[in-house]
């Protein structure tokens, strides 16, 4: 019985601590510096991604996964990987512009595609959308399906904007 009471008291204390949170405060952030893009090796450069992007300070924007089966005018993009990918980048840029940012502020992206044969097309698009070679850190994952039939790509990302 004593062990049960001690256990319940411990669980209660842990629960209260989790609800109230530890008395921790984040260190003050200095002014935002420009992101530093680590130079990749030959393979990373050819695949249009940076092995890491270092940021300090600034405002962080977390982008939900963007996907589409229609272009910005409502035209169907079913079966058109290139069209879907271009539209996804446009949607990401539009979302970022709502807070004064753009694709140039993207420091990380996770790309989901349903056919690995489309990976090379995506690399060419990244080279087009990031012509200065400041590529976001990136992961590409092949999935079997998306939330809706006909989707071929989804991209989520993180952007950092100087204050």
N, C-alpha and C. Protein backbone atom coordinates (compact mmCIF):
# COMPACT_ATOMS: atom_id res chain seq x y z
N UNK A 1 0.81 -1.18 0.00
CA UNK A 1 0.00 0.00 0.00
C UNK A 1 0.87 1.26 0.00
N UNK A 2 1.97 1.25 0.81
CA UNK A 2 2.86 2.41 0.86
C UNK A 2 3.51 2.68 -0.49
N UNK A 3 3.91 1.60 -1.17
CA UNK A 3 4.53 1.78 -2.48
C UNK A 3 3.54 2.40 -3.46
N UNK A 4 2.28 2.01 -3.39
CA UNK A 4 1.25 2.55 -4.26
C UNK A 4 1.08 4.05 -4.00
N UNK A 5 1.03 4.43 -2.73
CA UNK A 5 0.87 5.85 -2.39
C UNK A 5 2.08 6.66 -2.83
N UNK A 6 3.27 6.13 -2.64
CA UNK A 6 4.49 6.82 -3.07
C UNK A 6 4.48 6.96 -4.60
N UNK A 7 4.09 5.91 -5.29
CA UNK A 7 4.02 5.95 -6.75
C UNK A 7 3.02 6.98 -7.24
N UNK A 8 1.84 7.01 -6.64
CA UNK A 8 0.82 8.00 -7.02
C UNK A 8 1.29 9.42 -6.72
N UNK A 9 1.97 9.61 -5.60
CA UNK A 9 2.49 10.93 -5.27
C UNK A 9 3.54 11.37 -6.30
N UNK A 10 4.38 10.44 -6.72
CA UNK A 10 5.40 10.75 -7.73
C UNK A 10 4.77 11.11 -9.06
N UNK A 11 3.77 10.35 -9.45
CA UNK A 11 3.08 10.62 -10.72
C UNK A 11 2.39 11.98 -10.65
N UNK A 12 1.74 12.26 -9.53
CA UNK A 12 1.06 13.55 -9.36
C UNK A 12 2.05 14.70 -9.43
N UNK A 13 3.19 14.56 -8.75
CA UNK A 13 4.21 15.61 -8.77
C UNK A 13 4.75 15.82 -10.18
N UNK A 14 5.01 14.73 -10.89
CA UNK A 14 5.50 14.86 -12.27
C UNK A 14 4.46 15.53 -13.15
N UNK A 15 3.20 15.16 -12.98
CA UNK A 15 2.13 15.78 -13.76
C UNK A 15 2.02 17.26 -13.50
N UNK A 16 2.08 17.66 -12.23
CA UNK A 16 2.03 19.09 -11.89
C UNK A 16 3.22 19.84 -12.48
N UNK A 17 4.40 19.23 -12.42
CA UNK A 17 5.59 19.86 -12.99
C UNK A 17 5.42 20.04 -14.49
N UNK A 18 4.87 19.02 -15.18
CA UNK A 18 4.66 19.13 -16.62
C UNK A 18 3.62 20.19 -16.96
N UNK A 19 2.57 20.30 -16.14
CA UNK A 19 1.53 21.30 -16.39
C UNK A 19 2.02 22.72 -16.15
N UNK A 20 2.80 22.93 -15.11
CA UNK A 20 3.27 24.27 -14.79
C UNK A 20 4.56 24.61 -15.51
N UNK A 21 5.28 23.60 -15.94
CA UNK A 21 6.52 23.81 -16.67
C UNK A 21 7.66 24.18 -15.75
N UNK A 22 8.86 23.84 -16.16
CA UNK A 22 10.01 24.24 -15.37
C UNK A 22 10.21 25.75 -15.49
N UNK A 23 10.83 26.33 -14.54
CA UNK A 23 11.07 27.76 -14.55
C UNK A 23 12.31 28.07 -15.38
N UNK A 24 12.22 27.81 -16.67
CA UNK A 24 13.34 28.03 -17.58
C UNK A 24 13.01 29.17 -18.52
N UNK A 25 14.00 29.96 -18.84
CA UNK A 25 13.81 31.05 -19.78
C UNK A 25 14.87 30.95 -20.85
N UNK A 26 14.47 31.25 -22.05
CA UNK A 26 15.41 31.21 -23.16
C UNK A 26 16.37 32.39 -23.05
N UNK A 27 17.59 32.17 -23.49
CA UNK A 27 18.58 33.25 -23.49
C UNK A 27 18.14 34.31 -24.49
N UNK A 28 18.41 35.58 -24.20
CA UNK A 28 18.03 36.63 -25.14
C UNK A 28 18.73 36.40 -26.48
N UNK A 29 18.01 36.67 -27.54
CA UNK A 29 18.55 36.49 -28.88
C UNK A 29 19.15 37.81 -29.36
N UNK A 30 20.28 37.74 -29.97
CA UNK A 30 20.88 38.92 -30.56
C UNK A 30 20.25 39.19 -31.91
N UNK A 31 20.75 40.18 -32.60
CA UNK A 31 20.19 40.47 -33.91
C UNK A 31 20.41 39.30 -34.86
N UNK A 32 19.49 39.14 -35.78
CA UNK A 32 19.57 38.04 -36.73
C UNK A 32 20.73 38.26 -37.70
N UNK A 33 21.49 37.23 -37.90
CA UNK A 33 22.56 37.26 -38.88
C UNK A 33 22.09 36.54 -40.13
N UNK A 34 22.73 36.80 -41.24
CA UNK A 34 22.38 36.09 -42.47
C UNK A 34 22.68 34.61 -42.29
N UNK A 35 21.83 33.76 -42.87
CA UNK A 35 22.11 32.32 -42.76
C UNK A 35 23.45 31.98 -43.40
N UNK A 36 24.13 31.03 -42.82
CA UNK A 36 25.39 30.53 -43.38
C UNK A 36 25.10 29.17 -43.99
N UNK A 37 25.33 29.05 -45.28
CA UNK A 37 25.10 27.81 -46.01
C UNK A 37 26.42 27.06 -46.11
N UNK A 38 26.50 25.90 -45.47
CA UNK A 38 27.73 25.12 -45.55
C UNK A 38 27.86 24.58 -46.97
N UNK A 39 29.06 24.69 -47.49
CA UNK A 39 29.29 24.21 -48.85
C UNK A 39 29.24 22.69 -48.87
N UNK A 40 28.51 22.17 -49.83
CA UNK A 40 28.39 20.73 -49.96
C UNK A 40 29.49 20.13 -50.80
N UNK A 41 29.56 18.82 -50.76
CA UNK A 41 30.50 18.12 -51.64
C UNK A 41 29.92 18.09 -53.05
N UNK A 42 30.62 17.46 -53.98
CA UNK A 42 30.19 17.47 -55.37
C UNK A 42 28.79 16.86 -55.54
N UNK A 43 28.51 15.77 -54.83
CA UNK A 43 27.19 15.14 -54.93
C UNK A 43 26.10 16.08 -54.43
N UNK A 44 26.33 16.73 -53.27
CA UNK A 44 25.33 17.62 -52.70
C UNK A 44 25.07 18.81 -53.60
N UNK A 45 26.13 19.35 -54.19
CA UNK A 45 25.95 20.47 -55.13
C UNK A 45 25.16 20.02 -56.35
N UNK A 46 25.50 18.85 -56.87
CA UNK A 46 24.79 18.34 -58.05
C UNK A 46 23.32 18.07 -57.76
N UNK A 47 23.00 17.70 -56.51
CA UNK A 47 21.62 17.41 -56.14
C UNK A 47 20.90 18.64 -55.57
N UNK A 48 21.57 19.80 -55.57
CA UNK A 48 20.98 21.09 -55.20
C UNK A 48 20.47 21.14 -53.77
N UNK A 49 21.32 20.74 -52.82
CA UNK A 49 20.98 20.94 -51.41
C UNK A 49 22.25 21.21 -50.62
N UNK A 50 22.08 21.93 -49.52
CA UNK A 50 23.18 22.21 -48.61
C UNK A 50 23.18 21.16 -47.50
N UNK A 51 24.35 20.74 -47.03
CA UNK A 51 24.37 19.76 -45.95
C UNK A 51 23.86 20.36 -44.63
N UNK A 52 23.97 21.69 -44.50
CA UNK A 52 23.46 22.36 -43.30
C UNK A 52 23.37 23.86 -43.57
N UNK A 53 22.44 24.49 -42.88
CA UNK A 53 22.29 25.94 -42.92
C UNK A 53 22.27 26.40 -41.47
N UNK A 54 23.15 27.34 -41.15
CA UNK A 54 23.25 27.82 -39.77
C UNK A 54 22.61 29.20 -39.69
N UNK A 55 21.72 29.37 -38.72
CA UNK A 55 21.08 30.66 -38.52
C UNK A 55 21.28 31.10 -37.08
N UNK A 56 21.14 32.38 -36.87
CA UNK A 56 21.22 32.91 -35.51
C UNK A 56 20.20 34.03 -35.42
N UNK A 57 19.31 33.92 -34.43
CA UNK A 57 18.29 34.94 -34.27
C UNK A 57 17.29 34.91 -35.41
N UNK A 58 16.51 35.93 -35.50
CA UNK A 58 15.53 36.03 -36.57
C UNK A 58 14.21 35.38 -36.21
N UNK A 59 13.30 35.53 -37.10
CA UNK A 59 11.95 34.99 -36.95
C UNK A 59 11.88 33.68 -37.71
N UNK A 60 11.36 32.64 -37.10
CA UNK A 60 11.28 31.33 -37.74
C UNK A 60 9.85 31.11 -38.23
N UNK A 61 9.73 30.70 -39.47
CA UNK A 61 8.43 30.39 -40.06
C UNK A 61 8.43 28.90 -40.39
N UNK A 62 7.50 28.17 -39.80
CA UNK A 62 7.37 26.73 -40.04
C UNK A 62 6.25 26.54 -41.06
N UNK A 63 6.58 26.05 -42.23
CA UNK A 63 5.58 25.85 -43.29
C UNK A 63 4.99 24.45 -43.21
N UNK A 64 3.68 24.39 -43.19
CA UNK A 64 2.99 23.11 -43.28
C UNK A 64 3.26 22.52 -44.66
N UNK A 65 3.07 21.23 -44.80
CA UNK A 65 3.24 20.59 -46.09
C UNK A 65 2.35 21.22 -47.14
N UNK A 66 2.94 21.56 -48.27
CA UNK A 66 2.20 22.14 -49.39
C UNK A 66 2.11 21.10 -50.49
N UNK A 67 0.93 20.96 -51.04
CA UNK A 67 0.72 20.04 -52.15
C UNK A 67 -0.45 20.54 -52.97
N UNK A 68 -0.63 20.03 -54.16
CA UNK A 68 -1.73 20.48 -55.01
C UNK A 68 -1.96 19.51 -56.16
N UNK A 69 -3.13 19.55 -56.68
CA UNK A 69 -3.44 18.82 -57.93
C UNK A 69 -3.97 19.79 -58.97
N UNK A 70 -3.92 21.11 -58.66
CA UNK A 70 -4.36 22.15 -59.59
C UNK A 70 -3.34 23.27 -59.58
N UNK A 71 -3.20 23.95 -60.74
CA UNK A 71 -2.32 25.10 -60.76
C UNK A 71 -3.03 26.29 -60.11
N UNK A 72 -2.39 27.44 -60.09
CA UNK A 72 -2.95 28.61 -59.42
C UNK A 72 -4.21 29.13 -60.09
N UNK A 73 -4.47 28.70 -61.33
CA UNK A 73 -5.68 29.11 -62.05
C UNK A 73 -6.77 28.04 -62.01
N UNK A 74 -6.52 26.96 -61.28
CA UNK A 74 -7.52 25.90 -61.15
C UNK A 74 -7.44 24.81 -62.20
N UNK A 75 -6.43 24.86 -63.07
CA UNK A 75 -6.25 23.83 -64.10
C UNK A 75 -5.69 22.56 -63.46
N UNK A 76 -6.22 21.42 -63.86
CA UNK A 76 -5.79 20.14 -63.31
C UNK A 76 -4.31 19.87 -63.61
N UNK A 77 -3.63 19.36 -62.61
CA UNK A 77 -2.23 18.96 -62.75
C UNK A 77 -2.06 17.47 -62.48
N UNK A 78 -3.14 16.71 -62.59
CA UNK A 78 -3.06 15.27 -62.37
C UNK A 78 -2.07 14.66 -63.36
N UNK A 79 -1.12 13.89 -62.83
CA UNK A 79 -0.12 13.24 -63.67
C UNK A 79 1.01 14.15 -64.12
N UNK A 80 1.04 15.40 -63.68
CA UNK A 80 2.04 16.38 -64.11
C UNK A 80 2.94 16.74 -62.92
N UNK A 81 4.00 15.95 -62.73
CA UNK A 81 4.89 16.18 -61.59
C UNK A 81 5.49 17.58 -61.63
N UNK A 82 6.02 17.96 -62.77
CA UNK A 82 6.68 19.27 -62.92
C UNK A 82 5.69 20.40 -62.57
N UNK A 83 4.48 20.31 -63.07
CA UNK A 83 3.47 21.32 -62.78
C UNK A 83 3.11 21.38 -61.31
N UNK A 84 2.95 20.20 -60.70
CA UNK A 84 2.64 20.17 -59.27
C UNK A 84 3.79 20.75 -58.46
N UNK A 85 5.02 20.39 -58.79
CA UNK A 85 6.18 20.88 -58.04
C UNK A 85 6.31 22.40 -58.17
N UNK A 86 6.17 22.92 -59.38
CA UNK A 86 6.25 24.37 -59.58
C UNK A 86 5.17 25.09 -58.78
N UNK A 87 3.97 24.53 -58.79
CA UNK A 87 2.86 25.15 -58.06
C UNK A 87 3.09 25.08 -56.57
N UNK A 88 3.65 23.98 -56.08
CA UNK A 88 3.96 23.86 -54.65
C UNK A 88 4.97 24.94 -54.25
N UNK A 89 6.01 25.14 -55.05
CA UNK A 89 6.97 26.21 -54.73
C UNK A 89 6.28 27.57 -54.75
N UNK A 90 5.38 27.80 -55.70
CA UNK A 90 4.64 29.07 -55.77
C UNK A 90 3.76 29.25 -54.53
N UNK A 91 3.12 28.18 -54.09
CA UNK A 91 2.28 28.25 -52.89
C UNK A 91 3.12 28.54 -51.65
N UNK A 92 4.28 27.91 -51.57
CA UNK A 92 5.18 28.17 -50.44
C UNK A 92 5.62 29.63 -50.44
N UNK A 93 5.99 30.14 -51.60
CA UNK A 93 6.43 31.52 -51.72
C UNK A 93 5.30 32.47 -51.33
N UNK A 94 4.08 32.18 -51.80
CA UNK A 94 2.93 33.01 -51.47
C UNK A 94 2.68 33.01 -49.95
N UNK A 95 2.78 31.86 -49.33
CA UNK A 95 2.59 31.77 -47.88
C UNK A 95 3.66 32.58 -47.15
N UNK A 96 4.91 32.43 -47.56
CA UNK A 96 6.01 33.16 -46.92
C UNK A 96 5.85 34.67 -47.10
N UNK A 97 5.38 35.11 -48.25
CA UNK A 97 5.20 36.55 -48.51
C UNK A 97 4.15 37.17 -47.60
N UNK A 98 3.25 36.36 -47.08
CA UNK A 98 2.25 36.87 -46.14
C UNK A 98 2.90 37.41 -44.87
N UNK A 99 4.14 37.00 -44.60
CA UNK A 99 4.85 37.49 -43.42
C UNK A 99 6.17 38.17 -43.80
N UNK A 100 6.23 38.70 -45.03
CA UNK A 100 7.40 39.45 -45.45
C UNK A 100 8.61 38.63 -45.80
N UNK A 101 8.43 37.36 -46.11
CA UNK A 101 9.54 36.47 -46.46
C UNK A 101 9.35 35.97 -47.90
N UNK A 102 10.22 35.09 -48.32
CA UNK A 102 10.12 34.47 -49.65
C UNK A 102 10.87 33.15 -49.63
N UNK A 103 10.88 32.48 -50.76
CA UNK A 103 11.63 31.22 -50.85
C UNK A 103 13.11 31.42 -50.51
N UNK A 104 13.63 32.62 -50.72
CA UNK A 104 15.04 32.89 -50.39
C UNK A 104 15.33 32.74 -48.91
N UNK A 105 14.29 32.79 -48.07
CA UNK A 105 14.46 32.63 -46.63
C UNK A 105 14.36 31.18 -46.17
N UNK A 106 14.06 30.28 -47.09
CA UNK A 106 13.91 28.87 -46.75
C UNK A 106 15.27 28.28 -46.39
N UNK A 107 15.37 27.68 -45.21
CA UNK A 107 16.64 27.09 -44.78
C UNK A 107 16.57 25.57 -44.70
N UNK A 108 15.36 25.02 -44.71
CA UNK A 108 15.21 23.56 -44.64
C UNK A 108 13.92 23.17 -45.34
N UNK A 109 13.95 22.06 -46.04
CA UNK A 109 12.75 21.53 -46.64
C UNK A 109 12.77 20.01 -46.59
N UNK A 110 11.59 19.45 -46.39
CA UNK A 110 11.42 18.01 -46.49
C UNK A 110 10.48 17.77 -47.65
N UNK A 111 10.94 16.99 -48.61
CA UNK A 111 10.20 16.75 -49.84
C UNK A 111 9.74 15.31 -49.85
N UNK A 112 8.46 15.13 -50.09
CA UNK A 112 7.88 13.80 -50.22
C UNK A 112 7.44 13.62 -51.67
N UNK A 113 7.90 12.56 -52.32
CA UNK A 113 7.48 12.27 -53.68
C UNK A 113 7.01 10.82 -53.73
N UNK A 114 6.14 10.52 -54.68
CA UNK A 114 5.61 9.16 -54.73
C UNK A 114 6.30 8.30 -55.78
N UNK A 115 7.24 8.87 -56.52
CA UNK A 115 7.97 8.10 -57.53
C UNK A 115 9.41 8.59 -57.54
N UNK A 116 10.36 7.75 -57.14
CA UNK A 116 11.76 8.20 -57.07
C UNK A 116 12.31 8.66 -58.42
N UNK A 117 11.68 8.26 -59.50
CA UNK A 117 12.15 8.71 -60.82
C UNK A 117 11.93 10.21 -61.02
N UNK A 118 11.12 10.83 -60.18
CA UNK A 118 10.89 12.28 -60.27
C UNK A 118 11.93 13.08 -59.50
N UNK A 119 12.83 12.42 -58.80
CA UNK A 119 13.84 13.12 -58.01
C UNK A 119 14.73 14.02 -58.84
N UNK A 120 15.15 13.56 -60.03
CA UNK A 120 16.02 14.39 -60.87
C UNK A 120 15.30 15.65 -61.35
N UNK A 121 14.00 15.54 -61.64
CA UNK A 121 13.24 16.73 -62.04
C UNK A 121 13.20 17.74 -60.90
N UNK A 122 13.03 17.24 -59.69
CA UNK A 122 12.98 18.14 -58.54
C UNK A 122 14.32 18.84 -58.34
N UNK A 123 15.41 18.13 -58.55
CA UNK A 123 16.74 18.74 -58.42
C UNK A 123 16.86 19.91 -59.39
N UNK A 124 16.43 19.72 -60.62
CA UNK A 124 16.52 20.80 -61.63
C UNK A 124 15.66 21.99 -61.21
N UNK A 125 14.50 21.72 -60.64
CA UNK A 125 13.65 22.81 -60.18
C UNK A 125 14.28 23.56 -59.02
N UNK A 126 14.92 22.85 -58.10
CA UNK A 126 15.61 23.53 -56.99
C UNK A 126 16.72 24.42 -57.52
N UNK A 127 17.45 23.94 -58.52
CA UNK A 127 18.50 24.75 -59.11
C UNK A 127 17.91 26.01 -59.75
N UNK A 128 16.73 25.89 -60.31
CA UNK A 128 16.04 27.03 -60.92
C UNK A 128 15.53 28.01 -59.85
N UNK A 129 14.93 27.49 -58.80
CA UNK A 129 14.34 28.35 -57.77
C UNK A 129 15.38 28.95 -56.83
N UNK A 130 16.56 28.36 -56.75
CA UNK A 130 17.64 28.86 -55.90
C UNK A 130 18.90 29.04 -56.75
N UNK A 131 18.87 29.96 -57.73
CA UNK A 131 19.97 30.07 -58.69
C UNK A 131 21.29 30.55 -58.09
N UNK A 132 21.24 31.17 -56.90
CA UNK A 132 22.47 31.65 -56.28
C UNK A 132 23.26 30.54 -55.60
N UNK A 133 22.72 29.30 -55.63
CA UNK A 133 23.41 28.17 -55.01
C UNK A 133 23.23 28.09 -53.51
N UNK A 134 22.43 28.98 -52.92
CA UNK A 134 22.15 28.92 -51.49
C UNK A 134 20.93 28.03 -51.29
N UNK A 135 21.19 26.74 -51.38
CA UNK A 135 20.11 25.76 -51.31
C UNK A 135 19.73 25.48 -49.86
N UNK A 136 18.44 25.30 -49.60
CA UNK A 136 18.05 24.87 -48.26
C UNK A 136 18.60 23.48 -47.97
N UNK A 137 18.84 23.19 -46.70
CA UNK A 137 19.12 21.81 -46.32
C UNK A 137 17.85 21.03 -46.72
N UNK A 138 18.02 19.80 -47.16
CA UNK A 138 16.85 19.12 -47.71
C UNK A 138 16.92 17.61 -47.52
N UNK A 139 15.74 17.04 -47.32
CA UNK A 139 15.58 15.60 -47.29
C UNK A 139 14.50 15.25 -48.29
N UNK A 140 14.73 14.22 -49.10
CA UNK A 140 13.72 13.75 -50.04
C UNK A 140 13.33 12.32 -49.65
N UNK A 141 12.04 12.11 -49.51
CA UNK A 141 11.51 10.82 -49.07
C UNK A 141 10.50 10.33 -50.09
N UNK A 142 10.60 9.07 -50.45
CA UNK A 142 9.60 8.47 -51.34
C UNK A 142 8.52 7.81 -50.50
N UNK A 143 7.26 8.15 -50.81
CA UNK A 143 6.11 7.60 -50.09
C UNK A 143 5.23 6.83 -51.07
N UNK A 144 4.39 5.96 -50.54
CA UNK A 144 3.52 5.18 -51.42
C UNK A 144 2.26 5.93 -51.83
N UNK A 145 1.74 6.80 -50.95
CA UNK A 145 0.51 7.53 -51.25
C UNK A 145 0.47 8.84 -50.49
N UNK A 146 -0.42 9.71 -50.94
CA UNK A 146 -0.68 10.98 -50.27
C UNK A 146 -2.13 10.99 -49.79
N UNK A 147 -2.51 12.10 -49.16
CA UNK A 147 -3.85 12.22 -48.58
C UNK A 147 -4.95 12.18 -49.64
N UNK A 148 -4.64 12.65 -50.85
CA UNK A 148 -5.63 12.65 -51.93
C UNK A 148 -5.04 11.98 -53.16
N UNK A 149 -5.84 11.23 -53.89
CA UNK A 149 -5.36 10.61 -55.12
C UNK A 149 -4.87 11.68 -56.10
N UNK A 150 -3.83 11.37 -56.82
CA UNK A 150 -3.31 12.28 -57.84
C UNK A 150 -2.17 13.16 -57.37
N UNK A 151 -2.00 13.30 -56.06
CA UNK A 151 -0.88 14.10 -55.55
C UNK A 151 0.41 13.34 -55.80
N UNK A 152 1.42 14.08 -56.25
CA UNK A 152 2.70 13.46 -56.57
C UNK A 152 3.85 13.99 -55.72
N UNK A 153 3.63 15.13 -55.05
CA UNK A 153 4.69 15.78 -54.28
C UNK A 153 4.07 16.58 -53.13
N UNK A 154 4.80 16.63 -52.03
CA UNK A 154 4.44 17.51 -50.91
C UNK A 154 5.76 18.03 -50.34
N UNK A 155 5.78 19.32 -50.01
CA UNK A 155 7.00 19.91 -49.44
C UNK A 155 6.61 20.70 -48.20
N UNK A 156 7.33 20.44 -47.11
CA UNK A 156 7.22 21.28 -45.92
C UNK A 156 8.55 21.95 -45.71
N UNK A 157 8.55 23.07 -45.02
CA UNK A 157 9.82 23.78 -44.88
C UNK A 157 9.89 24.66 -43.66
N UNK A 158 11.09 25.18 -43.44
CA UNK A 158 11.37 26.13 -42.37
C UNK A 158 12.12 27.29 -42.99
N UNK A 159 11.64 28.51 -42.70
CA UNK A 159 12.28 29.72 -43.17
C UNK A 159 12.72 30.55 -41.98
N UNK A 160 13.80 31.30 -42.15
CA UNK A 160 14.27 32.21 -41.10
C UNK A 160 14.40 33.59 -41.73
N UNK A 161 13.78 34.57 -41.05
CA UNK A 161 13.76 35.94 -41.56
C UNK A 161 14.43 36.84 -40.53
N UNK A 162 15.35 37.66 -40.98
CA UNK A 162 16.00 38.61 -40.08
C UNK A 162 15.00 39.60 -39.52
N UNK A 163 15.25 40.06 -38.31
CA UNK A 163 14.35 41.03 -37.67
C UNK A 163 14.65 42.42 -38.17
